[in-house]
Amino acid sequence: MASTKQPRGRGENSPRRRTRGGSAVESTYREVEYIGWLAKNEIPVVVALVDGEELRGWIEYFDRDIIRLTRDRDANLFIYKERIKYLYEDPQAGPRKR
């Protein structure tokens, strides 16, 4: 009778089996630092939402769940972070005038 055992270290559940580079880290906890810097310096940003809409303004306030996007000519918005796909500094906007 032939053995059905796999050689040691080659099984799917083997502790030696690792993916190249390991799994991606879900959070680096640098979000608070970066968003805080954007808010403190009133840096104009573009916020891309998961539905494809892009909003422009600057971050006046944020916490664990939301950001407040302040806009000069439109209504200010509270946006749930779960609805944000990504955000970046607005290359089209100049420095904010206070």
Protein backbone atom coordinates (compact mmCIF):
# COMPACT_ATOMS: atom_id res chain seq x y z
CA MET A 1 0.00 0.00 0.00
CA ALA A 2 1.39 3.41 -0.99
CA SER A 3 1.75 6.10 1.63
CA THR A 4 -0.51 9.16 1.24
CA LYS A 5 1.61 11.32 3.50
CA GLN A 6 3.25 14.34 1.94
CA PRO A 7 6.92 15.00 2.55
CA ARG A 8 7.52 17.09 5.65
CA GLY A 9 7.44 20.86 5.06
CA ARG A 10 5.56 20.71 1.76
CA GLY A 11 1.97 20.45 2.89
CA GLU A 12 -0.55 23.25 2.46
CA ASN A 13 -0.77 23.78 6.24
CA SER A 14 2.93 23.42 6.86
CA PRO A 15 4.40 26.11 9.11
CA ARG A 16 7.38 26.29 6.76
CA ARG A 17 5.25 27.29 3.79
CA ARG A 18 5.27 31.08 3.44
CA THR A 19 4.25 33.40 0.69
CA ARG A 20 6.94 35.55 -0.81
CA GLY A 21 7.23 38.75 1.20
CA GLY A 22 4.47 37.76 3.62
CA SER A 23 1.02 39.27 3.72
CA ALA A 24 0.38 42.98 3.44
CA VAL A 25 -0.07 44.95 6.62
CA GLU A 26 -3.62 46.30 6.84
CA SER A 27 -2.68 49.50 8.65
CA THR A 28 0.59 51.25 9.40
CA TYR A 29 -1.11 53.65 11.84
CA ARG A 30 0.44 56.59 9.97
CA GLU A 31 -3.01 57.76 8.80
CA VAL A 32 -3.55 59.91 11.90
CA GLU A 33 -0.17 61.57 11.50
CA TYR A 34 -0.67 62.33 7.79
CA ILE A 35 -4.26 63.55 8.04
CA GLY A 36 -3.31 65.63 11.10
CA TRP A 37 -0.52 67.27 9.10
CA LEU A 38 -2.92 67.99 6.20
CA ALA A 39 -5.44 69.52 8.61
CA LYS A 40 -2.92 71.58 10.60
CA ASN A 41 -1.43 73.08 7.45
CA GLU A 42 -4.80 73.42 5.67
CA ILE A 43 -3.43 71.62 2.63
CA PRO A 44 -5.98 71.43 -0.23
CA VAL A 45 -6.88 67.79 -0.92
CA VAL A 46 -8.88 65.70 -3.34
CA VAL A 47 -10.99 63.00 -1.69
CA ALA A 48 -11.95 60.15 -4.02
CA LEU A 49 -14.99 58.23 -2.82
CA VAL A 50 -15.70 54.55 -3.43
CA ASP A 51 -18.47 55.49 -5.88
CA GLY A 52 -16.00 57.43 -8.08
CA GLU A 53 -16.95 60.96 -7.01
CA GLU A 54 -14.09 63.35 -6.26
CA LEU A 55 -14.44 66.17 -3.73
CA ARG A 56 -12.02 69.07 -3.23
CA GLY A 57 -11.39 71.09 -0.10
CA TRP A 58 -9.26 70.96 3.03
CA ILE A 59 -9.57 68.85 6.15
CA GLU A 60 -10.68 70.92 9.11
CA TYR A 61 -11.47 68.08 11.52
CA PHE A 62 -11.12 64.30 11.65
CA ASP A 63 -11.56 61.45 14.07
CA ARG A 64 -11.58 57.66 13.89
CA ASP A 65 -14.67 57.48 11.66
CA ILE A 66 -15.02 60.75 9.74
CA ILE A 67 -13.29 63.71 8.18
CA ARG A 68 -14.78 67.17 7.79
CA LEU A 69 -14.00 68.53 4.36
CA THR A 70 -14.22 72.33 4.34
CA ARG A 71 -14.82 73.98 0.98
CA ASP A 72 -14.67 77.65 0.02
CA ARG A 73 -17.66 77.90 -2.31
CA ASP A 74 -19.70 74.81 -1.45
CA ALA A 75 -21.21 73.30 1.67
CA ASN A 76 -18.83 71.71 4.13
CA LEU A 77 -19.09 67.92 4.36
CA PHE A 78 -18.68 65.23 6.98
CA ILE A 79 -17.49 62.11 5.16
CA TYR A 80 -17.33 58.63 6.68
CA LYS A 81 -13.84 57.20 6.20
CA GLU A 82 -15.32 53.91 5.03
CA ARG A 83 -16.67 55.79 1.97
CA ILE A 84 -13.20 57.14 1.07
CA LYS A 85 -11.23 55.18 -1.50
CA TYR A 86 -8.16 57.42 -1.21
CA LEU A 87 -7.15 61.06 -0.82
CA TYR A 88 -4.23 63.11 -2.04
CA GLU A 89 -2.91 66.66 -2.02
CA ASP A 90 -4.62 68.70 -4.73
CA PRO A 91 -2.03 69.54 -7.40
CA GLN A 92 -4.38 72.08 -9.04
CA ALA A 93 -4.89 74.17 -5.91
CA GLY A 94 -2.40 76.76 -4.79
CA PRO A 95 -1.61 77.48 -1.16
CA ARG A 96 -4.70 78.16 0.91
CA LYS A 97 -5.29 81.84 1.74
CA ARG A 98 -6.20 82.44 5.36
